[in-house]
């Protein structure tokens, strides 16, 4: 995870650092969304396979598919938590940049 730290020595944070942090957060969020999409596909695939195995009276294979499905669902929930954390970091970054802009404007006046 990315952590936004305020400078302790009162120095100005360059806009390139802020924009690179913002772009990294966006890239990470996109990557997590892609992983979540793949996991959703795997969940539906395992469910279909489990149904097929039940039709063939292969309960053990069906149970294995349902276990994998449950594992994929828990990974999906973890990704949702990570996405939420990244969105919170993006919001903090926006608030921080807005506060920095306001402070700069006040010092110019």
PDB file of N, CA and C in Angstrom:
ATOM      1  N   UNK A   1       0.822  -1.168   0.000  1.00  0.00           N
ATOM      2  CA  UNK A   1       0.000   0.000   0.000  1.00  0.00           C
ATOM      3  C   UNK A   1       0.874   1.243   0.000  1.00  0.00           C
ATOM      4  N   UNK A   2       0.305   2.284  -0.517  1.00  0.00           N
ATOM      5  CA  UNK A   2       0.998   3.551  -0.544  1.00  0.00           C
ATOM      6  C   UNK A   2       0.591   4.347   0.678  1.00  0.00           C
ATOM      7  N   UNK A   3       1.517   5.049   1.244  1.00  0.00           N
ATOM      8  CA  UNK A   3       1.218   5.902   2.374  1.00  0.00           C
ATOM      9  C   UNK A   3       1.645   7.315   2.025  1.00  0.00           C
ATOM     10  N   UNK A   4       0.757   8.234   2.246  1.00  0.00           N
ATOM     11  CA  UNK A   4       1.042   9.634   1.950  1.00  0.00           C
ATOM     12  C   UNK A   4       1.598  10.265   3.217  1.00  0.00           C
ATOM     13  N   UNK A   5       2.798  10.758   3.124  1.00  0.00           N
ATOM     14  CA  UNK A   5       3.451  11.383   4.272  1.00  0.00           C
ATOM     15  C   UNK A   5       3.624  12.862   4.001  1.00  0.00           C
ATOM     16  N   UNK A   6       3.363  13.654   5.004  1.00  0.00           N
ATOM     17  CA  UNK A   6       3.593  15.090   4.891  1.00  0.00           C
ATOM     18  C   UNK A   6       5.053  15.360   5.214  1.00  0.00           C
ATOM     19  N   UNK A   7       5.637  16.308   4.534  1.00  0.00           N
ATOM     20  CA  UNK A   7       7.033  16.619   4.823  1.00  0.00           C
ATOM     21  C   UNK A   7       7.173  17.225   6.212  1.00  0.00           C
ATOM     22  N   UNK A   8       8.201  16.808   6.931  1.00  0.00           N
ATOM     23  CA  UNK A   8       8.406  17.275   8.294  1.00  0.00           C
ATOM     24  C   UNK A   8       9.204  18.571   8.353  1.00  0.00           C
ATOM     25  N   UNK A   9       9.962  18.825   7.311  1.00  0.00           N
ATOM     26  CA  UNK A   9      10.800  20.012   7.345  1.00  0.00           C
ATOM     27  C   UNK A   9      10.136  21.231   6.712  1.00  0.00           C
ATOM     28  N   UNK A  10       8.864  21.123   6.357  1.00  0.00           N
ATOM     29  CA  UNK A  10       8.148  22.254   5.799  1.00  0.00           C
ATOM     30  C   UNK A  10       8.449  22.500   4.335  1.00  0.00           C
ATOM     31  N   UNK A  11       9.141  21.602   3.677  1.00  0.00           N
ATOM     32  CA  UNK A  11       9.463  21.800   2.270  1.00  0.00           C
ATOM     33  C   UNK A  11       8.241  21.534   1.398  1.00  0.00           C
ATOM     34  N   UNK A  12       8.271  22.066   0.221  1.00  0.00           N
ATOM     35  CA  UNK A  12       7.181  21.896  -0.719  1.00  0.00           C
ATOM     36  C   UNK A  12       7.283  20.527  -1.399  1.00  0.00           C
ATOM     37  N   UNK A  13       6.153  19.913  -1.591  1.00  0.00           N
ATOM     38  CA  UNK A  13       6.113  18.657  -2.335  1.00  0.00           C
ATOM     39  C   UNK A  13       5.905  19.021  -3.791  1.00  0.00           C
ATOM     40  N   UNK A  14       6.727  18.460  -4.642  1.00  0.00           N
ATOM     41  CA  UNK A  14       6.614  18.801  -6.059  1.00  0.00           C
ATOM     42  C   UNK A  14       5.381  18.145  -6.658  1.00  0.00           C
ATOM     43  N   UNK A  15       4.868  18.773  -7.675  1.00  0.00           N
ATOM     44  CA  UNK A  15       3.677  18.252  -8.338  1.00  0.00           C
ATOM     45  C   UNK A  15       3.967  16.951  -9.064  1.00  0.00           C
ATOM     46  N   UNK A  16       5.233  16.733  -9.442  1.00  0.00           N
ATOM     47  CA  UNK A  16       5.563  15.473 -10.110  1.00  0.00           C
ATOM     48  C   UNK A  16       5.445  14.290  -9.153  1.00  0.00           C
ATOM     49  N   UNK A  17       5.803  14.492  -7.895  1.00  0.00           N
ATOM     50  CA  UNK A  17       5.664  13.427  -6.901  1.00  0.00           C
ATOM     51  C   UNK A  17       4.194  13.114  -6.679  1.00  0.00           C
ATOM     52  N   UNK A  18       3.386  14.154  -6.597  1.00  0.00           N
ATOM     53  CA  UNK A  18       1.949  13.962  -6.393  1.00  0.00           C
ATOM     54  C   UNK A  18       1.324  13.260  -7.586  1.00  0.00           C
ATOM     55  N   UNK A  19       1.683  13.677  -8.784  1.00  0.00           N
ATOM     56  CA  UNK A  19       1.097  13.053  -9.970  1.00  0.00           C
ATOM     57  C   UNK A  19       1.577  11.619 -10.132  1.00  0.00           C
ATOM     58  N   UNK A  20       2.842  11.339  -9.784  1.00  0.00           N
ATOM     59  CA  UNK A  20       3.316   9.954  -9.888  1.00  0.00           C
ATOM     60  C   UNK A  20       2.630   9.072  -8.857  1.00  0.00           C
ATOM     61  N   UNK A  21       2.400   9.609  -7.657  1.00  0.00           N
ATOM     62  CA  UNK A  21       1.675   8.843  -6.639  1.00  0.00           C
ATOM     63  C   UNK A  21       0.250   8.565  -7.099  1.00  0.00           C
ATOM     64  N   UNK A  22      -0.363   9.579  -7.667  1.00  0.00           N
ATOM     65  CA  UNK A  22      -1.731   9.417  -8.154  1.00  0.00           C
ATOM     66  C   UNK A  22      -1.799   8.386  -9.276  1.00  0.00           C
ATOM     67  N   UNK A  23      -0.849   8.440 -10.200  1.00  0.00           N
ATOM     68  CA  UNK A  23      -0.861   7.473 -11.304  1.00  0.00           C
ATOM     69  C   UNK A  23      -0.574   6.059 -10.811  1.00  0.00           C
ATOM     70  N   UNK A  24       0.298   5.922  -9.818  1.00  0.00           N
ATOM     71  CA  UNK A  24       0.561   4.589  -9.258  1.00  0.00           C
ATOM     72  C   UNK A  24      -0.678   4.029  -8.582  1.00  0.00           C
ATOM     73  N   UNK A  25      -1.397   4.870  -7.868  1.00  0.00           N
ATOM     74  CA  UNK A  25      -2.627   4.419  -7.230  1.00  0.00           C
ATOM     75  C   UNK A  25      -3.652   3.981  -8.271  1.00  0.00           C
ATOM     76  N   UNK A  26      -3.764   4.751  -9.362  1.00  0.00           N
ATOM     77  CA  UNK A  26      -4.712   4.387 -10.419  1.00  0.00           C
ATOM     78  C   UNK A  26      -4.319   3.082 -11.093  1.00  0.00           C
ATOM     79  N   UNK A  27      -3.021   2.904 -11.351  1.00  0.00           N
ATOM     80  CA  UNK A  27      -2.551   1.660 -11.966  1.00  0.00           C
ATOM     81  C   UNK A  27      -2.831   0.466 -11.058  1.00  0.00           C
ATOM     82  N   UNK A  28      -2.596   0.639  -9.780  1.00  0.00           N
ATOM     83  CA  UNK A  28      -2.837  -0.440  -8.830  1.00  0.00           C
ATOM     84  C   UNK A  28      -4.318  -0.777  -8.765  1.00  0.00           C
ATOM     85  N   UNK A  29      -5.150   0.233  -8.768  1.00  0.00           N
ATOM     86  CA  UNK A  29      -6.590   0.009  -8.732  1.00  0.00           C
ATOM     87  C   UNK A  29      -7.060  -0.724  -9.982  1.00  0.00           C
ATOM     88  N   UNK A  30      -6.543  -0.345 -11.138  1.00  0.00           N
ATOM     89  CA  UNK A  30      -6.906  -1.025 -12.378  1.00  0.00           C
ATOM     90  C   UNK A  30      -6.461  -2.486 -12.357  1.00  0.00           C
ATOM     91  N   UNK A  31      -5.255  -2.739 -11.841  1.00  0.00           N
ATOM     92  CA  UNK A  31      -4.754  -4.105 -11.755  1.00  0.00           C
ATOM     93  C   UNK A  31      -5.638  -4.952 -10.837  1.00  0.00           C
ATOM     94  N   UNK A  32      -6.055  -4.378  -9.714  1.00  0.00           N
ATOM     95  CA  UNK A  32      -6.918  -5.110  -8.792  1.00  0.00           C
ATOM     96  C   UNK A  32      -8.284  -5.386  -9.415  1.00  0.00           C
ATOM     97  N   UNK A  33      -8.794  -4.441 -10.197  1.00  0.00           N
ATOM     98  CA  UNK A  33     -10.072  -4.654 -10.865  1.00  0.00           C
ATOM     99  C   UNK A  33      -9.973  -5.760 -11.911  1.00  0.00           C
ATOM    100  N   UNK A  34      -8.839  -5.817 -12.613  1.00  0.00           N
ATOM    101  CA  UNK A  34      -8.636  -6.890 -13.586  1.00  0.00           C
ATOM    102  C   UNK A  34      -8.569  -8.244 -12.889  1.00  0.00           C
ATOM    103  N   UNK A  35      -7.865  -8.305 -11.769  1.00  0.00           N
ATOM    104  CA  UNK A  35      -7.785  -9.555 -11.007  1.00  0.00           C
ATOM    105  C   UNK A  35      -9.161  -9.975 -10.514  1.00  0.00           C
ATOM    106  N   UNK A  36      -9.945  -9.001 -10.069  1.00  0.00           N
ATOM    107  CA  UNK A  36     -11.284  -9.312  -9.595  1.00  0.00           C
ATOM    108  C   UNK A  36     -12.146  -9.864 -10.728  1.00  0.00           C
ATOM    109  N   UNK A  37     -12.006  -9.312 -11.908  1.00  0.00           N
ATOM    110  CA  UNK A  37     -12.754  -9.805 -13.065  1.00  0.00           C
ATOM    111  C   UNK A  37     -12.371 -11.250 -13.374  1.00  0.00           C
ATOM    112  N   UNK A  38     -11.080 -11.551 -13.333  1.00  0.00           N
ATOM    113  CA  UNK A  38     -10.615 -12.924 -13.589  1.00  0.00           C
ATOM    114  C   UNK A  38     -11.154 -13.870 -12.526  1.00  0.00           C
ATOM    115  N   UNK A  39     -11.143 -13.435 -11.273  1.00  0.00           N
ATOM    116  CA  UNK A  39     -11.678 -14.280 -10.205  1.00  0.00           C
ATOM    117  C   UNK A  39     -13.172 -14.527 -10.386  1.00  0.00           C
ATOM    118  N   UNK A  40     -13.915 -13.514 -10.832  1.00  0.00           N
ATOM    119  CA  UNK A  40     -15.346 -13.695 -11.085  1.00  0.00           C
ATOM    120  C   UNK A  40     -15.572 -14.733 -12.190  1.00  0.00           C
ATOM    121  N   UNK A  41     -14.730 -14.690 -13.218  1.00  0.00           N
ATOM    122  CA  UNK A  41     -14.827 -15.691 -14.280  1.00  0.00           C
ATOM    123  C   UNK A  41     -14.537 -17.087 -13.733  1.00  0.00           C
ATOM    124  N   UNK A  42     -13.521 -17.196 -12.870  1.00  0.00           N
ATOM    125  CA  UNK A  42     -13.178 -18.486 -12.282  1.00  0.00           C
ATOM    126  C   UNK A  42     -14.296 -19.013 -11.392  1.00  0.00           C
ATOM    127  N   UNK A  43     -14.959 -18.111 -10.679  1.00  0.00           N
ATOM    128  CA  UNK A  43     -16.074 -18.520  -9.824  1.00  0.00           C
ATOM    129  C   UNK A  43     -17.191 -19.127 -10.663  1.00  0.00           C
ATOM    130  N   UNK A  44     -17.553 -18.457 -11.747  1.00  0.00           N
ATOM    131  CA  UNK A  44     -18.636 -18.983 -12.591  1.00  0.00           C
ATOM    132  C   UNK A  44     -18.210 -20.285 -13.265  1.00  0.00           C
ATOM    133  N   UNK A  45     -16.933 -20.389 -13.638  1.00  0.00           N
ATOM    134  CA  UNK A  45     -16.438 -21.628 -14.243  1.00  0.00           C
ATOM    135  C   UNK A  45     -16.510 -22.783 -13.255  1.00  0.00           C
ATOM    136  N   UNK A  46     -16.083 -22.564 -12.022  1.00  0.00           N
ATOM    137  CA  UNK A  46     -16.125 -23.630 -11.015  1.00  0.00           C
ATOM    138  C   UNK A  46     -17.558 -24.031 -10.692  1.00  0.00           C
ATOM    139  N   UNK A  47     -18.467 -23.067 -10.673  1.00  0.00           N
ATOM    140  CA  UNK A  47     -19.867 -23.380 -10.422  1.00  0.00           C
ATOM    141  C   UNK A  47     -20.444 -24.235 -11.546  1.00  0.00           C
ATOM    142  N   UNK A  48     -20.126 -23.880 -12.783  1.00  0.00           N
ATOM    143  CA  UNK A  48     -20.592 -24.675 -13.925  1.00  0.00           C
ATOM    144  C   UNK A  48     -20.012 -26.088 -13.888  1.00  0.00           C
ATOM    145  N   UNK A  49     -18.722 -26.173 -13.549  1.00  0.00           N
ATOM    146  CA  UNK A  49     -18.093 -27.495 -13.462  1.00  0.00           C
ATOM    147  C   UNK A  49     -18.722 -28.334 -12.353  1.00  0.00           C
ATOM    148  N   UNK A  50     -19.033 -27.693 -11.213  1.00  0.00           N
ATOM    149  CA  UNK A  50     -19.659 -28.418 -10.108  1.00  0.00           C
ATOM    150  C   UNK A  50     -21.033 -28.951 -10.532  1.00  0.00           C
ATOM    151  N   UNK A  51     -21.795 -28.137 -11.239  1.00  0.00           N
ATOM    152  CA  UNK A  51     -23.101 -28.593 -11.722  1.00  0.00           C
ATOM    153  C   UNK A  51     -22.954 -29.783 -12.663  1.00  0.00           C
ATOM    154  N   UNK A  52     -21.951 -29.710 -13.524  1.00  0.00           N
ATOM    155  CA  UNK A  52     -21.710 -30.814 -14.456  1.00  0.00           C
ATOM    156  C   UNK A  52     -21.344 -32.091 -13.710  1.00  0.00           C
ATOM    157  N   UNK A  53     -20.475 -31.978 -12.715  1.00  0.00           N
ATOM    158  CA  UNK A  53     -20.082 -33.150 -11.942  1.00  0.00           C
ATOM    159  C   UNK A  53     -21.250 -33.732 -11.161  1.00  0.00           C
ATOM    160  N   UNK A  54     -22.174 -32.871 -10.683  1.00  0.00           N
ATOM    161  CA  UNK A  54     -23.350 -33.366  -9.964  1.00  0.00           C
ATOM    162  C   UNK A  54     -24.241 -34.152 -10.914  1.00  0.00           C
ATOM    163  N   UNK A  55     -24.380 -33.651 -12.149  1.00  0.00           N
ATOM    164  CA  UNK A  55     -25.162 -34.394 -13.150  1.00  0.00           C
ATOM    165  C   UNK A  55     -24.557 -35.756 -13.437  1.00  0.00           C
ATOM    166  N   UNK A  56     -23.231 -35.843 -13.348  1.00  0.00           N
ATOM    167  CA  UNK A  56     -22.522 -37.109 -13.611  1.00  0.00           C
ATOM    168  C   UNK A  56     -22.390 -37.965 -12.349  1.00  0.00           C
ATOM    169  N   UNK A  57     -23.010 -37.527 -11.248  1.00  0.00           N
ATOM    170  CA  UNK A  57     -22.952 -38.225  -9.962  1.00  0.00           C
ATOM    171  C   UNK A  57     -21.533 -38.361  -9.420  1.00  0.00           C
ATOM    172  N   UNK A  58     -20.718 -37.356  -9.657  1.00  0.00           N
ATOM    173  CA  UNK A  58     -19.354 -37.328  -9.128  1.00  0.00           C
ATOM    174  C   UNK A  58     -19.314 -36.255  -8.038  1.00  0.00           C
ATOM    175  N   UNK A  59     -19.751 -36.658  -6.840  1.00  0.00           N
ATOM    176  CA  UNK A  59     -19.882 -35.710  -5.735  1.00  0.00           C
ATOM    177  C   UNK A  59     -18.537 -35.175  -5.263  1.00  0.00           C
ATOM    178  N   UNK A  60     -17.508 -36.020  -5.269  1.00  0.00           N
ATOM    179  CA  UNK A  60     -16.196 -35.597  -4.784  1.00  0.00           C
ATOM    180  C   UNK A  60     -15.625 -34.476  -5.661  1.00  0.00           C
ATOM    181  N   UNK A  61     -15.708 -34.649  -6.966  1.00  0.00           N
ATOM    182  CA  UNK A  61     -15.207 -33.611  -7.877  1.00  0.00           C
ATOM    183  C   UNK A  61     -16.036 -32.328  -7.742  1.00  0.00           C
ATOM    184  N   UNK A  62     -17.355 -32.486  -7.549  1.00  0.00           N
ATOM    185  CA  UNK A  62     -18.224 -31.319  -7.369  1.00  0.00           C
ATOM    186  C   UNK A  62     -17.846 -30.567  -6.087  1.00  0.00           C
ATOM    187  N   UNK A  63     -17.571 -31.315  -5.032  1.00  0.00           N
ATOM    188  CA  UNK A  63     -17.166 -30.673  -3.767  1.00  0.00           C
ATOM    189  C   UNK A  63     -15.841 -29.926  -3.930  1.00  0.00           C
ATOM    190  N   UNK A  64     -14.914 -30.510  -4.683  1.00  0.00           N
ATOM    191  CA  UNK A  64     -13.641 -29.832  -4.935  1.00  0.00           C
ATOM    192  C   UNK A  64     -13.850 -28.528  -5.689  1.00  0.00           C
ATOM    193  N   UNK A  65     -14.741 -28.551  -6.655  1.00  0.00           N
ATOM    194  CA  UNK A  65     -15.051 -27.322  -7.408  1.00  0.00           C
ATOM    195  C   UNK A  65     -15.659 -26.261  -6.490  1.00  0.00           C
ATOM    196  N   UNK A  66     -16.541 -26.687  -5.615  1.00  0.00           N
ATOM    197  CA  UNK A  66     -17.170 -25.727  -4.706  1.00  0.00           C
ATOM    198  C   UNK A  66     -16.170 -25.178  -3.694  1.00  0.00           C
ATOM    199  N   UNK A  67     -15.197 -25.978  -3.296  1.00  0.00           N
ATOM    200  CA  UNK A  67     -14.137 -25.473  -2.409  1.00  0.00           C
ATOM    201  C   UNK A  67     -13.297 -24.409  -3.119  1.00  0.00           C
ATOM    202  N   UNK A  68     -12.947 -24.694  -4.379  1.00  0.00           N
ATOM    203  CA  UNK A  68     -12.181 -23.698  -5.141  1.00  0.00           C
ATOM    204  C   UNK A  68     -13.000 -22.427  -5.343  1.00  0.00           C
ATOM    205  N   UNK A  69     -14.308 -22.589  -5.601  1.00  0.00           N
ATOM    206  CA  UNK A  69     -15.197 -21.440  -5.760  1.00  0.00           C
ATOM    207  C   UNK A  69     -15.197 -20.595  -4.491  1.00  0.00           C
ATOM    208  N   UNK A  70     -15.280 -21.240  -3.347  1.00  0.00           N
ATOM    209  CA  UNK A  70     -15.275 -20.523  -2.074  1.00  0.00           C
ATOM    210  C   UNK A  70     -13.954 -19.789  -1.865  1.00  0.00           C
ATOM    211  N   UNK A  71     -12.866 -20.415  -2.260  1.00  0.00           N
ATOM    212  CA  UNK A  71     -11.551 -19.773  -2.159  1.00  0.00           C
ATOM    213  C   UNK A  71     -11.481 -18.533  -3.048  1.00  0.00           C
ATOM    214  N   UNK A  72     -11.984 -18.649  -4.264  1.00  0.00           N
ATOM    215  CA  UNK A  72     -12.002 -17.508  -5.176  1.00  0.00           C
ATOM    216  C   UNK A  72     -12.865 -16.373  -4.618  1.00  0.00           C
ATOM    217  N   UNK A  73     -13.985 -16.740  -3.980  1.00  0.00           N
ATOM    218  CA  UNK A  73     -14.853 -15.716  -3.401  1.00  0.00           C
ATOM    219  C   UNK A  73     -14.153 -14.973  -2.256  1.00  0.00           C
ATOM    220  N   UNK A  74     -13.396 -15.691  -1.450  1.00  0.00           N
ATOM    221  CA  UNK A  74     -12.687 -15.014  -0.364  1.00  0.00           C
ATOM    222  C   UNK A  74     -11.589 -14.108  -0.914  1.00  0.00           C
ATOM    223  N   UNK A  75     -10.934 -14.534  -1.988  1.00  0.00           N
ATOM    224  CA  UNK A  75      -9.928 -13.675  -2.623  1.00  0.00           C
ATOM    225  C   UNK A  75     -10.577 -12.431  -3.221  1.00  0.00           C
ATOM    226  N   UNK A  76     -11.777 -12.587  -3.754  1.00  0.00           N
ATOM    227  CA  UNK A  76     -12.509 -11.453  -4.303  1.00  0.00           C
ATOM    228  C   UNK A  76     -12.831 -10.442  -3.202  1.00  0.00           C
ATOM    229  N   UNK A  77     -13.232 -10.937  -2.041  1.00  0.00           N
ATOM    230  CA  UNK A  77     -13.518 -10.038  -0.922  1.00  0.00           C
ATOM    231  C   UNK A  77     -12.259  -9.296  -0.482  1.00  0.00           C
ATOM    232  N   UNK A  78     -11.128  -9.982  -0.474  1.00  0.00           N
ATOM    233  CA  UNK A  78      -9.867  -9.328  -0.124  1.00  0.00           C
ATOM    234  C   UNK A  78      -9.542  -8.221  -1.120  1.00  0.00           C
ATOM    235  N   UNK A  79      -9.750  -8.498  -2.403  1.00  0.00           N
ATOM    236  CA  UNK A  79      -9.488  -7.485  -3.420  1.00  0.00           C
ATOM    237  C   UNK A  79     -10.399  -6.278  -3.239  1.00  0.00           C
ATOM    238  N   UNK A  80     -11.644  -6.509  -2.837  1.00  0.00           N
ATOM    239  CA  UNK A  80     -12.556  -5.396  -2.593  1.00  0.00           C
ATOM    240  C   UNK A  80     -12.053  -4.518  -1.455  1.00  0.00           C
ATOM    241  N   UNK A  81     -11.497  -5.150  -0.422  1.00  0.00           N
ATOM    242  CA  UNK A  81     -10.938  -4.387   0.699  1.00  0.00           C
ATOM    243  C   UNK A  81      -9.745  -3.568   0.224  1.00  0.00           C
ATOM    244  N   UNK A  82      -8.869  -4.186  -0.567  1.00  0.00           N
ATOM    245  CA  UNK A  82      -7.700  -3.467  -1.091  1.00  0.00           C
ATOM    246  C   UNK A  82      -8.125  -2.295  -1.973  1.00  0.00           C
ATOM    247  N   UNK A  83      -9.150  -2.518  -2.804  1.00  0.00           N
ATOM    248  CA  UNK A  83      -9.634  -1.444  -3.660  1.00  0.00           C
ATOM    249  C   UNK A  83     -10.183  -0.286  -2.820  1.00  0.00           C
ATOM    250  N   UNK A  84     -10.864  -0.615  -1.757  1.00  0.00           N
ATOM    251  CA  UNK A  84     -11.386   0.411  -0.869  1.00  0.00           C
ATOM    252  C   UNK A  84     -10.244   1.209  -0.237  1.00  0.00           C
ATOM    253  N   UNK A  85      -9.191   0.530   0.176  1.00  0.00           N
ATOM    254  CA  UNK A  85      -8.042   1.214   0.761  1.00  0.00           C
ATOM    255  C   UNK A  85      -7.372   2.137  -0.247  1.00  0.00           C
ATOM    256  N   UNK A  86      -7.274   1.684  -1.490  1.00  0.00           N
ATOM    257  CA  UNK A  86      -6.643   2.504  -2.526  1.00  0.00           C
ATOM    258  C   UNK A  86      -7.492   3.737  -2.817  1.00  0.00           C
ATOM    259  N   UNK A  87      -8.816   3.551  -2.862  1.00  0.00           N
ATOM    260  CA  UNK A  87      -9.689   4.707  -3.077  1.00  0.00           C
ATOM    261  C   UNK A  87      -9.545   5.713  -1.931  1.00  0.00           C
ATOM    262  N   UNK A  88      -9.426   5.206  -0.703  1.00  0.00           N
ATOM    263  CA  UNK A  88      -9.217   6.104   0.430  1.00  0.00           C
ATOM    264  C   UNK A  88      -7.901   6.867   0.289  1.00  0.00           C
ATOM    265  N   UNK A  89      -6.853   6.181  -0.168  1.00  0.00           N
ATOM    266  CA  UNK A  89      -5.569   6.846  -0.374  1.00  0.00           C
ATOM    267  C   UNK A  89      -5.680   7.920  -1.452  1.00  0.00           C
ATOM    268  N   UNK A  90      -6.429   7.623  -2.524  1.00  0.00           N
ATOM    269  CA  UNK A  90      -6.629   8.626  -3.568  1.00  0.00           C
ATOM    270  C   UNK A  90      -7.346   9.851  -3.017  1.00  0.00           C
ATOM    271  N   UNK A  91      -8.356   9.629  -2.194  1.00  0.00           N
ATOM    272  CA  UNK A  91      -9.079  10.750  -1.600  1.00  0.00           C
ATOM    273  C   UNK A  91      -8.173  11.572  -0.699  1.00  0.00           C
ATOM    274  N   UNK A  92      -7.339  10.908   0.081  1.00  0.00           N
ATOM    275  CA  UNK A  92      -6.398  11.626   0.946  1.00  0.00           C
ATOM    276  C   UNK A  92      -5.431  12.459   0.114  1.00  0.00           C
ATOM    277  N   UNK A  93      -4.966  11.891  -0.989  1.00  0.00           N
ATOM    278  CA  UNK A  93      -4.042  12.607  -1.856  1.00  0.00           C
ATOM    279  C   UNK A  93      -4.703  13.855  -2.441  1.00  0.00           C
ATOM    280  N   UNK A  94      -5.957  13.714  -2.863  1.00  0.00           N
ATOM    281  CA  UNK A  94      -6.688  14.863  -3.413  1.00  0.00           C
ATOM    282  C   UNK A  94      -6.867  15.937  -2.347  1.00  0.00           C
ATOM    283  N   UNK A  95      -7.264  15.520  -1.144  1.00  0.00           N
ATOM    284  CA  UNK A  95      -7.432  16.501  -0.065  1.00  0.00           C
ATOM    285  C   UNK A  95      -6.117  17.179   0.275  1.00  0.00           C
ATOM    286  N   UNK A  96      -5.037  16.408   0.276  1.00  0.00           N
ATOM    287  CA  UNK A  96      -3.727  16.963   0.593  1.00  0.00           C
ATOM    288  C   UNK A  96      -3.291  17.970  -0.462  1.00  0.00           C
ATOM    289  N   UNK A  97      -3.492  17.634  -1.736  1.00  0.00           N
ATOM    290  CA  UNK A  97      -3.103  18.569  -2.795  1.00  0.00           C
ATOM    291  C   UNK A  97      -3.959  19.829  -2.752  1.00  0.00           C
ATOM    292  N   UNK A  98      -5.260  19.664  -2.466  1.00  0.00           N
ATOM    293  CA  UNK A  98      -6.127  20.840  -2.344  1.00  0.00           C
ATOM    294  C   UNK A  98      -5.683  21.728  -1.187  1.00  0.00           C
ATOM    295  N   UNK A  99      -5.332  21.112  -0.072  1.00  0.00           N
ATOM    296  CA  UNK A  99      -4.882  21.884   1.083  1.00  0.00           C
ATOM    297  C   UNK A  99      -3.563  22.591   0.774  1.00  0.00           C
ATOM    298  N   UNK A 100      -2.679  21.905   0.047  1.00  0.00           N
ATOM    299  CA  UNK A 100      -1.394  22.514  -0.306  1.00  0.00           C
ATOM    300  C   UNK A 100      -1.603  23.699  -1.252  1.00  0.00           C
ATOM    301  N   UNK A 101      -2.526  23.574  -2.204  1.00  0.00           N
ATOM    302  CA  UNK A 101      -2.823  24.673  -3.122  1.00  0.00           C
ATOM    303  C   UNK A 101      -3.397  25.872  -2.363  1.00  0.00           C
ATOM    304  N   UNK A 102      -4.289  25.576  -1.445  1.00  0.00           N
ATOM    305  CA  UNK A 102      -4.888  26.647  -0.658  1.00  0.00           C
ATOM    306  C   UNK A 102      -3.832  27.351   0.187  1.00  0.00           C
ATOM    307  N   UNK A 103      -2.939  26.591   0.768  1.00  0.00           N
ATOM    308  CA  UNK A 103      -1.880  27.179   1.583  1.00  0.00           C
ATOM    309  C   UNK A 103      -0.960  28.047   0.736  1.00  0.00           C
ATOM    310  N   UNK A 104      -0.628  27.578  -0.469  1.00  0.00           N
ATOM    311  CA  UNK A 104       0.216  28.368  -1.370  1.00  0.00           C
ATOM    312  C   UNK A 104      -0.457  29.670  -1.749  1.00  0.00           C
ATOM    313  N   UNK A 105      -1.773  29.610  -2.014  1.00  0.00           N
ATOM    314  CA  UNK A 105      -2.499  30.815  -2.367  1.00  0.00           C
ATOM    315  C   UNK A 105      -2.540  31.794  -1.206  1.00  0.00           C
ATOM    316  N   UNK A 106      -2.671  31.284   0.003  1.00  0.00           N
ATOM    317  CA  UNK A 106      -2.723  32.166   1.167  1.00  0.00           C
ATOM    318  C   UNK A 106      -1.361  32.818   1.414  1.00  0.00           C
ATOM    319  N   UNK A 107      -0.286  32.107   1.132  1.00  0.00           N
ATOM    320  CA  UNK A 107       1.042  32.692   1.341  1.00  0.00           C
ATOM    321  C   UNK A 107       1.350  33.758   0.291  1.00  0.00           C
ATOM    322  N   UNK A 108       0.731  33.662  -0.884  1.00  0.00           N
ATOM    323  CA  UNK A 108       0.957  34.645  -1.929  1.00  0.00           C
ATOM    324  C   UNK A 108       0.213  35.944  -1.671  1.00  0.00           C
ATOM    325  N   UNK A 109      -0.832  35.854  -0.901  1.00  0.00           N
ATOM    326  CA  UNK A 109      -1.669  37.049  -0.650  1.00  0.00           C
ATOM    327  C   UNK A 109      -1.010  37.977   0.331  1.00  0.00           C
TER     328      UNK A 109
END
